[in-house]
Amino acid sequence: MENAQIDSIFDIYKDAFKEAAGIYMWVKSPYYNQVPVFYHEIVEKQYGKLEDMKPKYDEAIEFYWPLIQKRLDKSGTGFFVSKLSWADFFLADKIETAMNLDENFEKKFPKMIEYKNRIHSEPKIQEYLKNRKESFY
């Protein structure tokens, strides 16, 4: 049962951030400027400018993060399931991405920040975080 719950976290994320919301995340990232300019024209033609994409992203986060918070509250363990799992690492990473995309994320979802900090406080995770390269995602 827990394996299915863990697998569901990625499926929910994928569904919430597909297409326009996902494109917004990419266009807002520093990596977008590394692709050829003609690709920017294609993206803009299909999805509009960055500000046109933001409402889809906002809609996705307003759907996704409260859903995840409800699931975390239900588990009662402080983790996505009964113990630390890859779902917790996945979520902590996605919370960092959300913080890079939305300067108000911490105010909107303070419990998600507490959760990320709890996951990052695990000793082996702290060691990894100290040595990893910085990334927008």
N, C-alpha and C. Protein backbone atom coordinates (compact mmCIF):
# COMPACT_ATOMS: atom_id res chain seq x y z
N MET A 1 0.82 -1.20 0.00
CA MET A 1 0.00 0.00 0.00
C MET A 1 0.86 1.26 0.00
N GLU A 2 1.90 1.29 0.84
CA GLU A 2 2.76 2.47 0.89
C GLU A 2 3.50 2.68 -0.42
N ASN A 3 3.88 1.60 -1.09
CA ASN A 3 4.56 1.75 -2.38
C ASN A 3 3.67 2.46 -3.39
N ALA A 4 2.39 2.14 -3.39
CA ALA A 4 1.45 2.81 -4.29
C ALA A 4 1.32 4.29 -3.92
N GLN A 5 1.31 4.59 -2.64
CA GLN A 5 1.23 5.99 -2.21
C GLN A 5 2.48 6.75 -2.63
N ILE A 6 3.62 6.09 -2.50
CA ILE A 6 4.88 6.72 -2.89
C ILE A 6 4.89 6.97 -4.39
N ASP A 7 4.47 5.98 -5.17
CA ASP A 7 4.42 6.15 -6.63
C ASP A 7 3.46 7.25 -7.03
N SER A 8 2.39 7.41 -6.28
CA SER A 8 1.38 8.40 -6.64
C SER A 8 1.92 9.82 -6.58
N ILE A 9 2.92 10.06 -5.74
CA ILE A 9 3.43 11.42 -5.57
C ILE A 9 3.97 11.97 -6.88
N PHE A 10 4.66 11.13 -7.63
CA PHE A 10 5.20 11.58 -8.91
C PHE A 10 4.08 11.78 -9.91
N ASP A 11 3.12 10.87 -9.95
CA ASP A 11 2.00 11.00 -10.89
C ASP A 11 1.20 12.28 -10.64
N ILE A 12 0.97 12.59 -9.38
CA ILE A 12 0.23 13.81 -9.04
C ILE A 12 1.03 15.03 -9.49
N TYR A 13 2.32 15.01 -9.23
CA TYR A 13 3.18 16.14 -9.62
C TYR A 13 3.16 16.31 -11.14
N LYS A 14 3.34 15.20 -11.84
CA LYS A 14 3.36 15.24 -13.31
C LYS A 14 2.05 15.81 -13.84
N ASP A 15 0.93 15.37 -13.29
CA ASP A 15 -0.37 15.87 -13.74
C ASP A 15 -0.55 17.35 -13.43
N ALA A 16 -0.12 17.77 -12.26
CA ALA A 16 -0.31 19.16 -11.85
C ALA A 16 0.53 20.12 -12.68
N PHE A 17 1.74 19.69 -13.05
CA PHE A 17 2.67 20.60 -13.70
C PHE A 17 2.90 20.29 -15.18
N LYS A 18 1.96 19.64 -15.81
CA LYS A 18 2.13 19.35 -17.23
C LYS A 18 1.95 20.61 -18.06
N GLU A 19 2.43 20.54 -19.25
CA GLU A 19 2.31 21.57 -20.27
C GLU A 19 2.61 22.98 -19.79
N ALA A 20 1.62 23.87 -19.80
CA ALA A 20 1.89 25.30 -19.59
C ALA A 20 2.58 25.58 -18.25
N ALA A 21 2.16 24.90 -17.19
CA ALA A 21 2.80 25.13 -15.89
C ALA A 21 4.24 24.66 -15.92
N GLY A 22 4.48 23.52 -16.55
CA GLY A 22 5.84 23.01 -16.69
C GLY A 22 6.69 23.89 -17.58
N ILE A 23 6.10 24.40 -18.65
CA ILE A 23 6.82 25.30 -19.55
C ILE A 23 7.19 26.58 -18.79
N TYR A 24 6.28 27.09 -17.97
CA TYR A 24 6.57 28.28 -17.16
C TYR A 24 7.81 28.04 -16.30
N MET A 25 7.87 26.88 -15.66
CA MET A 25 9.00 26.56 -14.79
C MET A 25 10.30 26.58 -15.58
N TRP A 26 10.26 26.04 -16.79
CA TRP A 26 11.46 25.99 -17.62
C TRP A 26 11.84 27.38 -18.12
N VAL A 27 10.86 28.14 -18.61
CA VAL A 27 11.13 29.48 -19.15
C VAL A 27 11.66 30.39 -18.05
N LYS A 28 11.18 30.24 -16.85
CA LYS A 28 11.62 31.09 -15.73
C LYS A 28 13.03 30.71 -15.25
N SER A 29 13.47 29.52 -15.57
CA SER A 29 14.77 29.04 -15.10
C SER A 29 15.92 29.69 -15.87
N PRO A 30 17.11 29.70 -15.30
CA PRO A 30 18.27 30.25 -16.01
C PRO A 30 18.68 29.40 -17.21
N TYR A 31 18.21 28.16 -17.28
CA TYR A 31 18.59 27.27 -18.37
C TYR A 31 17.92 27.64 -19.69
N TYR A 32 16.80 28.32 -19.60
CA TYR A 32 16.06 28.69 -20.80
C TYR A 32 16.89 29.57 -21.73
N ASN A 33 17.70 30.43 -21.17
CA ASN A 33 18.53 31.32 -21.99
C ASN A 33 19.66 30.60 -22.70
N GLN A 34 19.84 29.33 -22.41
CA GLN A 34 20.90 28.56 -23.05
C GLN A 34 20.43 27.88 -24.34
N VAL A 35 19.13 27.91 -24.61
CA VAL A 35 18.64 27.30 -25.84
C VAL A 35 18.63 28.35 -26.94
N PRO A 36 18.68 27.92 -28.20
CA PRO A 36 18.70 28.88 -29.31
C PRO A 36 17.46 29.79 -29.31
N VAL A 37 17.65 31.01 -29.77
CA VAL A 37 16.59 32.02 -29.78
C VAL A 37 15.36 31.55 -30.56
N PHE A 38 15.58 30.82 -31.65
CA PHE A 38 14.42 30.37 -32.43
C PHE A 38 13.49 29.50 -31.58
N TYR A 39 14.05 28.81 -30.62
CA TYR A 39 13.21 27.99 -29.74
C TYR A 39 12.35 28.87 -28.85
N HIS A 40 12.88 30.01 -28.43
CA HIS A 40 12.11 30.96 -27.63
C HIS A 40 10.88 31.41 -28.42
N GLU A 41 11.09 31.64 -29.71
CA GLU A 41 9.98 32.08 -30.56
C GLU A 41 8.90 31.01 -30.65
N ILE A 42 9.31 29.76 -30.74
CA ILE A 42 8.35 28.65 -30.81
C ILE A 42 7.55 28.57 -29.51
N VAL A 43 8.24 28.65 -28.39
CA VAL A 43 7.58 28.58 -27.08
C VAL A 43 6.61 29.75 -26.91
N GLU A 44 7.06 30.94 -27.27
CA GLU A 44 6.20 32.12 -27.12
C GLU A 44 4.97 32.02 -28.02
N LYS A 45 5.16 31.50 -29.22
CA LYS A 45 4.03 31.35 -30.14
C LYS A 45 3.00 30.37 -29.58
N GLN A 46 3.48 29.29 -28.98
CA GLN A 46 2.57 28.27 -28.47
C GLN A 46 1.98 28.61 -27.11
N TYR A 47 2.77 29.21 -26.22
CA TYR A 47 2.33 29.42 -24.84
C TYR A 47 2.20 30.89 -24.43
N GLY A 48 2.71 31.80 -25.24
CA GLY A 48 2.68 33.21 -24.89
C GLY A 48 3.92 33.60 -24.10
N LYS A 49 3.90 34.79 -23.58
CA LYS A 49 5.03 35.29 -22.78
C LYS A 49 4.97 34.69 -21.38
N LEU A 50 6.04 34.87 -20.64
CA LEU A 50 6.15 34.31 -19.29
C LEU A 50 4.95 34.69 -18.43
N GLU A 51 4.56 35.96 -18.48
CA GLU A 51 3.43 36.41 -17.66
C GLU A 51 2.10 35.77 -18.09
N ASP A 52 2.02 35.33 -19.36
CA ASP A 52 0.83 34.62 -19.82
C ASP A 52 0.77 33.20 -19.26
N MET A 53 1.94 32.63 -18.98
CA MET A 53 2.01 31.26 -18.47
C MET A 53 1.81 31.18 -16.96
N LYS A 54 2.09 32.26 -16.27
CA LYS A 54 2.07 32.24 -14.80
C LYS A 54 0.73 31.80 -14.21
N PRO A 55 -0.41 32.23 -14.75
CA PRO A 55 -1.67 31.77 -14.16
C PRO A 55 -1.82 30.24 -14.14
N LYS A 56 -1.33 29.57 -15.17
CA LYS A 56 -1.38 28.10 -15.19
C LYS A 56 -0.49 27.52 -14.10
N TYR A 57 0.68 28.13 -13.91
CA TYR A 57 1.58 27.68 -12.85
C TYR A 57 0.92 27.91 -11.49
N ASP A 58 0.36 29.10 -11.29
CA ASP A 58 -0.29 29.41 -10.01
C ASP A 58 -1.44 28.44 -9.73
N GLU A 59 -2.19 28.12 -10.77
CA GLU A 59 -3.28 27.15 -10.63
C GLU A 59 -2.74 25.78 -10.21
N ALA A 60 -1.63 25.39 -10.80
CA ALA A 60 -1.02 24.10 -10.47
C ALA A 60 -0.54 24.06 -9.02
N ILE A 61 0.13 25.13 -8.57
CA ILE A 61 0.63 25.09 -7.18
C ILE A 61 -0.51 25.16 -6.18
N GLU A 62 -1.56 25.88 -6.51
CA GLU A 62 -2.71 25.97 -5.60
C GLU A 62 -3.46 24.64 -5.52
N PHE A 63 -3.30 23.81 -6.53
CA PHE A 63 -3.87 22.46 -6.50
C PHE A 63 -2.93 21.49 -5.78
N TYR A 64 -1.68 21.50 -6.18
CA TYR A 64 -0.73 20.47 -5.77
C TYR A 64 -0.31 20.56 -4.30
N TRP A 65 0.18 21.71 -3.87
CA TRP A 65 0.76 21.79 -2.52
C TRP A 65 -0.26 21.58 -1.40
N PRO A 66 -1.49 22.11 -1.49
CA PRO A 66 -2.47 21.77 -0.44
C PRO A 66 -2.81 20.27 -0.42
N LEU A 67 -2.83 19.66 -1.59
CA LEU A 67 -3.08 18.22 -1.66
C LEU A 67 -1.96 17.44 -0.96
N ILE A 68 -0.73 17.83 -1.20
CA ILE A 68 0.41 17.18 -0.56
C ILE A 68 0.39 17.44 0.95
N GLN A 69 0.07 18.67 1.33
CA GLN A 69 0.00 18.99 2.76
C GLN A 69 -1.04 18.12 3.46
N LYS A 70 -2.17 17.95 2.83
CA LYS A 70 -3.22 17.11 3.40
C LYS A 70 -2.73 15.67 3.58
N ARG A 71 -2.00 15.18 2.59
CA ARG A 71 -1.47 13.81 2.66
C ARG A 71 -0.43 13.68 3.78
N LEU A 72 0.43 14.68 3.92
CA LEU A 72 1.43 14.67 5.00
C LEU A 72 0.75 14.72 6.37
N ASP A 73 -0.26 15.55 6.50
CA ASP A 73 -1.00 15.63 7.77
C ASP A 73 -1.64 14.28 8.10
N LYS A 74 -2.17 13.63 7.08
CA LYS A 74 -2.84 12.34 7.27
C LYS A 74 -1.85 11.26 7.70
N SER A 75 -0.63 11.30 7.19
CA SER A 75 0.34 10.25 7.54
C SER A 75 0.69 10.31 9.02
N GLY A 76 0.74 11.50 9.59
CA GLY A 76 1.01 11.65 11.01
C GLY A 76 2.43 11.30 11.43
N THR A 77 3.30 11.03 10.47
CA THR A 77 4.67 10.62 10.80
C THR A 77 5.70 11.71 10.56
N GLY A 78 5.28 12.76 9.86
CA GLY A 78 6.24 13.78 9.45
C GLY A 78 6.87 13.45 8.11
N PHE A 79 6.53 12.28 7.59
CA PHE A 79 7.01 11.83 6.28
C PHE A 79 5.81 11.54 5.39
N PHE A 80 6.06 11.32 4.12
CA PHE A 80 4.96 11.07 3.20
C PHE A 80 4.24 9.77 3.54
N VAL A 81 5.00 8.77 3.96
CA VAL A 81 4.40 7.52 4.44
C VAL A 81 4.91 7.27 5.86
N SER A 82 5.00 6.04 6.30
CA SER A 82 5.34 5.76 7.70
C SER A 82 6.79 6.05 8.07
N LYS A 83 7.65 6.13 7.07
CA LYS A 83 9.07 6.41 7.33
C LYS A 83 9.65 7.18 6.15
N LEU A 84 10.85 7.67 6.31
CA LEU A 84 11.54 8.41 5.25
C LEU A 84 11.63 7.56 3.99
N SER A 85 11.27 8.13 2.85
CA SER A 85 11.29 7.40 1.57
C SER A 85 11.73 8.35 0.45
N TRP A 86 11.87 7.77 -0.75
CA TRP A 86 12.27 8.61 -1.87
C TRP A 86 11.23 9.68 -2.15
N ALA A 87 9.98 9.45 -1.78
CA ALA A 87 8.94 10.47 -1.98
C ALA A 87 9.27 11.74 -1.19
N ASP A 88 9.84 11.57 -0.01
CA ASP A 88 10.22 12.73 0.81
C ASP A 88 11.36 13.51 0.16
N PHE A 89 12.32 12.79 -0.41
CA PHE A 89 13.43 13.46 -1.11
C PHE A 89 12.90 14.20 -2.34
N PHE A 90 12.01 13.54 -3.08
CA PHE A 90 11.39 14.14 -4.26
C PHE A 90 10.67 15.43 -3.88
N LEU A 91 9.84 15.36 -2.84
CA LEU A 91 9.08 16.53 -2.42
C LEU A 91 9.97 17.66 -1.93
N ALA A 92 10.98 17.33 -1.14
CA ALA A 92 11.89 18.36 -0.64
C ALA A 92 12.56 19.08 -1.81
N ASP A 93 12.94 18.32 -2.82
CA ASP A 93 13.55 18.91 -4.01
C ASP A 93 12.56 19.81 -4.75
N LYS A 94 11.34 19.36 -4.90
CA LYS A 94 10.33 20.15 -5.61
C LYS A 94 9.95 21.41 -4.82
N ILE A 95 10.03 21.34 -3.51
CA ILE A 95 9.78 22.53 -2.68
C ILE A 95 10.87 23.56 -2.94
N GLU A 96 12.12 23.12 -3.04
CA GLU A 96 13.21 24.05 -3.36
C GLU A 96 12.99 24.70 -4.71
N THR A 97 12.57 23.91 -5.69
CA THR A 97 12.27 24.46 -7.01
C THR A 97 11.17 25.50 -6.91
N ALA A 98 10.12 25.19 -6.18
CA ALA A 98 9.00 26.13 -6.02
C ALA A 98 9.47 27.42 -5.36
N MET A 99 10.38 27.31 -4.41
CA MET A 99 10.92 28.50 -3.75
C MET A 99 11.71 29.36 -4.74
N ASN A 100 12.39 28.74 -5.69
CA ASN A 100 13.12 29.48 -6.71
C ASN A 100 12.19 30.16 -7.70
N LEU A 101 11.02 29.59 -7.91
CA LEU A 101 10.08 30.13 -8.88
C LEU A 101 9.14 31.18 -8.29
N ASP A 102 8.88 31.10 -7.02
CA ASP A 102 7.86 31.94 -6.40
C ASP A 102 8.39 32.51 -5.09
N GLU A 103 8.68 33.79 -5.09
CA GLU A 103 9.24 34.42 -3.89
C GLU A 103 8.27 34.41 -2.71
N ASN A 104 7.00 34.14 -2.96
CA ASN A 104 6.00 34.09 -1.89
C ASN A 104 5.67 32.67 -1.44
N PHE A 105 6.37 31.69 -1.99
CA PHE A 105 6.07 30.30 -1.67
C PHE A 105 6.13 30.04 -0.17
N GLU A 106 7.14 30.57 0.49
CA GLU A 106 7.31 30.33 1.93
C GLU A 106 6.13 30.89 2.73
N LYS A 107 5.60 32.02 2.30
CA LYS A 107 4.44 32.61 2.99
C LYS A 107 3.17 31.81 2.69
N LYS A 108 3.05 31.34 1.45
CA LYS A 108 1.86 30.59 1.05
C LYS A 108 1.80 29.21 1.69
N PHE A 109 2.96 28.57 1.81
CA PHE A 109 3.00 27.17 2.25
C PHE A 109 4.06 26.95 3.34
N PRO A 110 3.90 27.60 4.49
CA PRO A 110 4.92 27.48 5.53
C PRO A 110 5.12 26.05 6.04
N LYS A 111 4.06 25.26 6.05
CA LYS A 111 4.21 23.87 6.50
C LYS A 111 5.08 23.06 5.54
N MET A 112 5.04 23.42 4.26
CA MET A 112 5.88 22.71 3.29
C MET A 112 7.35 23.06 3.52
N ILE A 113 7.61 24.29 3.93
CA ILE A 113 8.99 24.70 4.24
C ILE A 113 9.48 23.95 5.48
N GLU A 114 8.63 23.85 6.49
CA GLU A 114 8.98 23.08 7.70
C GLU A 114 9.30 21.63 7.33
N TYR A 115 8.48 21.06 6.48
CA TYR A 115 8.68 19.68 6.03
C TYR A 115 10.02 19.54 5.31
N LYS A 116 10.29 20.43 4.36
CA LYS A 116 11.57 20.38 3.62
C LYS A 116 12.74 20.48 4.59
N ASN A 117 12.66 21.39 5.53
CA ASN A 117 13.74 21.56 6.51
C ASN A 117 13.92 20.30 7.36
N ARG A 118 12.83 19.65 7.69
CA ARG A 118 12.91 18.41 8.47
C ARG A 118 13.62 17.32 7.65
N ILE A 119 13.28 17.20 6.38
CA ILE A 119 13.93 16.20 5.51
C ILE A 119 15.41 16.55 5.38
N HIS A 120 15.71 17.82 5.18
CA HIS A 120 17.11 18.24 5.01
C HIS A 120 17.91 18.17 6.31
N SER A 121 17.24 18.01 7.43
CA SER A 121 17.98 17.92 8.70
C SER A 121 18.50 16.51 8.98
N GLU A 122 18.09 15.55 8.18
CA GLU A 122 18.61 14.18 8.32
C GLU A 122 20.13 14.24 8.10
N PRO A 123 20.93 13.65 9.00
CA PRO A 123 22.39 13.77 8.92
C PRO A 123 23.00 13.41 7.56
N LYS A 124 22.59 12.31 6.97
CA LYS A 124 23.17 11.92 5.68
C LYS A 124 22.76 12.89 4.57
N ILE A 125 21.58 13.44 4.68
CA ILE A 125 21.10 14.41 3.69
C ILE A 125 21.89 15.70 3.83
N GLN A 126 22.16 16.12 5.07
CA GLN A 126 22.95 17.34 5.28
C GLN A 126 24.31 17.22 4.61
N GLU A 127 24.92 16.06 4.75
CA GLU A 127 26.23 15.84 4.13
C GLU A 127 26.13 15.95 2.61
N TYR A 128 25.11 15.34 2.04
CA TYR A 128 24.91 15.41 0.59
C TYR A 128 24.67 16.86 0.15
N LEU A 129 23.81 17.57 0.85
CA LEU A 129 23.47 18.94 0.48
C LEU A 129 24.68 19.87 0.55
N LYS A 130 25.56 19.60 1.48
CA LYS A 130 26.78 20.41 1.62
C LYS A 130 27.67 20.29 0.39
N ASN A 131 27.67 19.11 -0.22
CA ASN A 131 28.60 18.83 -1.31
C ASN A 131 28.00 18.89 -2.71
N ARG A 132 26.70 19.01 -2.82
CA ARG A 132 26.11 19.01 -4.17
C ARG A 132 26.27 20.38 -4.83
N LYS A 133 26.22 20.36 -6.15
CA LYS A 133 26.27 21.61 -6.91
C LYS A 133 24.92 22.31 -6.81
N GLU A 134 24.95 23.63 -6.83
CA GLU A 134 23.72 24.41 -6.82
C GLU A 134 22.98 24.19 -8.14
N SER A 135 21.66 24.16 -8.05
CA SER A 135 20.83 23.99 -9.23
C SER A 135 19.52 24.73 -9.02
N PHE A 136 18.98 25.25 -10.09
CA PHE A 136 17.70 25.95 -10.02
C PHE A 136 16.57 24.96 -9.74
N TYR A 137 16.70 23.76 -10.30
CA TYR A 137 15.65 22.73 -10.13
C TYR A 137 15.98 21.83 -8.99
